[in-house]
């Protein structure tokens, strides 16, 4: 699974998990891999990412080591990212105000 957010703010992820099998399988939907907030710390703190790919080929069946269970579910939990709002510094704001006032007076 690939999660992309394009021009939207990068999400803050708290956990990601991949699950093999299903409710009717012998393992009753076993979670095969779980990442928590500490595992995702680098992702959450870096601005270099514009997508995350979650993959797992499958896990070995409990009773048959040559039988693999495919991924049935992937869960991604977190919250929406914060907008990166940029406000001009004091000097730039003052210059822009002066230009605007000069234009109005002219």
Protein backbone atom coordinates (compact mmCIF):
# COMPACT_ATOMS: atom_id res chain seq x y z
CA UNK A 1 0.00 0.00 0.00
CA UNK A 2 1.25 3.49 -0.81
CA UNK A 3 -0.07 6.53 1.02
CA UNK A 4 0.63 9.87 -0.66
CA UNK A 5 -0.53 13.36 0.25
CA UNK A 6 0.75 15.45 -2.69
CA UNK A 7 0.31 19.14 -1.86
CA UNK A 8 -1.54 18.48 1.41
CA UNK A 9 0.27 18.74 4.75
CA UNK A 10 2.20 15.59 5.68
CA UNK A 11 0.18 13.51 8.19
CA UNK A 12 1.47 12.73 11.69
CA UNK A 13 1.38 8.94 12.06
CA UNK A 14 0.99 7.23 15.44
CA UNK A 15 0.84 3.59 14.29
CA UNK A 16 0.90 1.43 11.19
CA UNK A 17 0.13 -2.28 11.04
CA UNK A 18 -0.14 -5.03 8.42
CA UNK A 19 -2.35 -8.03 9.09
CA UNK A 20 -2.19 -11.45 7.45
CA UNK A 21 -5.06 -13.87 7.07
CA UNK A 22 -8.71 -13.12 7.72
CA UNK A 23 -11.46 -13.98 10.18
CA UNK A 24 -11.94 -17.38 8.56
CA UNK A 25 -8.24 -18.27 8.52
CA UNK A 26 -6.51 -20.62 10.94
CA UNK A 27 -4.68 -17.73 12.62
CA UNK A 28 -7.81 -15.55 12.79
CA UNK A 29 -6.22 -12.46 11.30
CA UNK A 30 -2.80 -12.30 12.92
CA UNK A 31 -1.02 -8.96 12.94
CA UNK A 32 2.25 -9.66 11.20
CA UNK A 33 3.94 -6.30 11.71
CA UNK A 34 3.16 -3.21 13.80
CA UNK A 35 5.03 0.11 13.90
CA UNK A 36 4.28 2.49 16.78
CA UNK A 37 4.95 6.22 17.26
CA UNK A 38 8.58 5.65 18.30
CA UNK A 39 9.22 3.62 15.12
CA UNK A 40 7.70 6.42 13.05
CA UNK A 41 9.58 9.24 14.81
CA UNK A 42 12.01 9.87 11.93
CA UNK A 43 9.12 9.96 9.44
CA UNK A 44 7.11 12.40 11.60
CA UNK A 45 10.02 14.75 12.27
CA UNK A 46 11.47 14.95 8.74
CA UNK A 47 10.03 17.07 5.95
CA UNK A 48 11.76 14.99 3.25
CA UNK A 49 8.90 12.53 2.73
CA UNK A 50 5.94 12.92 0.37
CA UNK A 51 4.72 9.32 0.59
CA UNK A 52 4.97 6.18 2.69
CA UNK A 53 4.91 2.63 1.32
CA UNK A 54 3.82 -0.22 3.58
CA UNK A 55 4.51 -3.73 2.38
CA UNK A 56 4.87 -7.28 3.62
CA UNK A 57 4.96 -10.37 1.43
CA UNK A 58 3.10 -12.53 3.94
CA UNK A 59 3.77 -14.61 7.01
CA UNK A 60 4.32 -18.33 7.46
CA UNK A 61 1.23 -20.28 8.51
CA UNK A 62 1.43 -21.67 12.05
CA UNK A 63 0.94 -25.27 11.00
CA UNK A 64 2.47 -25.32 7.52
CA UNK A 65 5.85 -23.61 7.17
CA UNK A 66 5.66 -23.77 3.36
CA UNK A 67 2.25 -22.04 3.29
CA UNK A 68 2.19 -18.22 3.38
CA UNK A 69 -0.77 -16.08 4.35
CA UNK A 70 -1.20 -12.96 2.24
CA UNK A 71 -1.84 -9.53 3.72
CA UNK A 72 -5.54 -8.95 4.32
CA UNK A 73 -5.53 -5.54 6.04
CA UNK A 74 -3.27 -2.56 6.52
CA UNK A 75 -4.11 -0.01 9.21
CA UNK A 76 -2.71 3.51 9.42
CA UNK A 77 -3.54 5.69 12.43
CA UNK A 78 -2.60 9.28 13.11
CA UNK A 79 -3.82 12.81 12.59
CA UNK A 80 -3.89 15.28 9.77
CA UNK A 81 -0.77 17.35 9.26
CA UNK A 82 -0.48 21.01 10.16
CA UNK A 83 -0.59 23.63 7.44
CA UNK A 84 2.73 25.39 6.93
CA UNK A 85 1.58 29.00 7.20
CA UNK A 86 4.31 31.54 6.64
CA UNK A 87 3.91 35.06 8.01
CA UNK A 88 6.34 37.76 6.85
CA UNK A 89 8.75 39.10 9.44
CA UNK A 90 8.21 42.54 11.01
CA UNK A 91 10.43 44.40 8.54
CA UNK A 92 8.82 42.85 5.45
CA UNK A 93 5.34 43.50 6.81
CA UNK A 94 6.21 47.17 7.43
CA UNK A 95 7.61 47.60 3.90
CA UNK A 96 4.49 46.01 2.38
CA UNK A 97 2.28 48.29 4.49
CA UNK A 98 4.26 51.35 3.36
CA UNK A 99 3.95 50.34 -0.29
CA UNK A 100 0.21 49.83 0.13
CA UNK A 101 -0.28 53.18 1.83
CA UNK A 102 1.85 54.95 -0.81
CA UNK A 103 -0.32 53.40 -3.51
CA UNK A 104 -3.51 54.57 -1.78
CA UNK A 105 -2.15 58.13 -1.34
CA UNK A 106 -0.95 58.30 -4.94
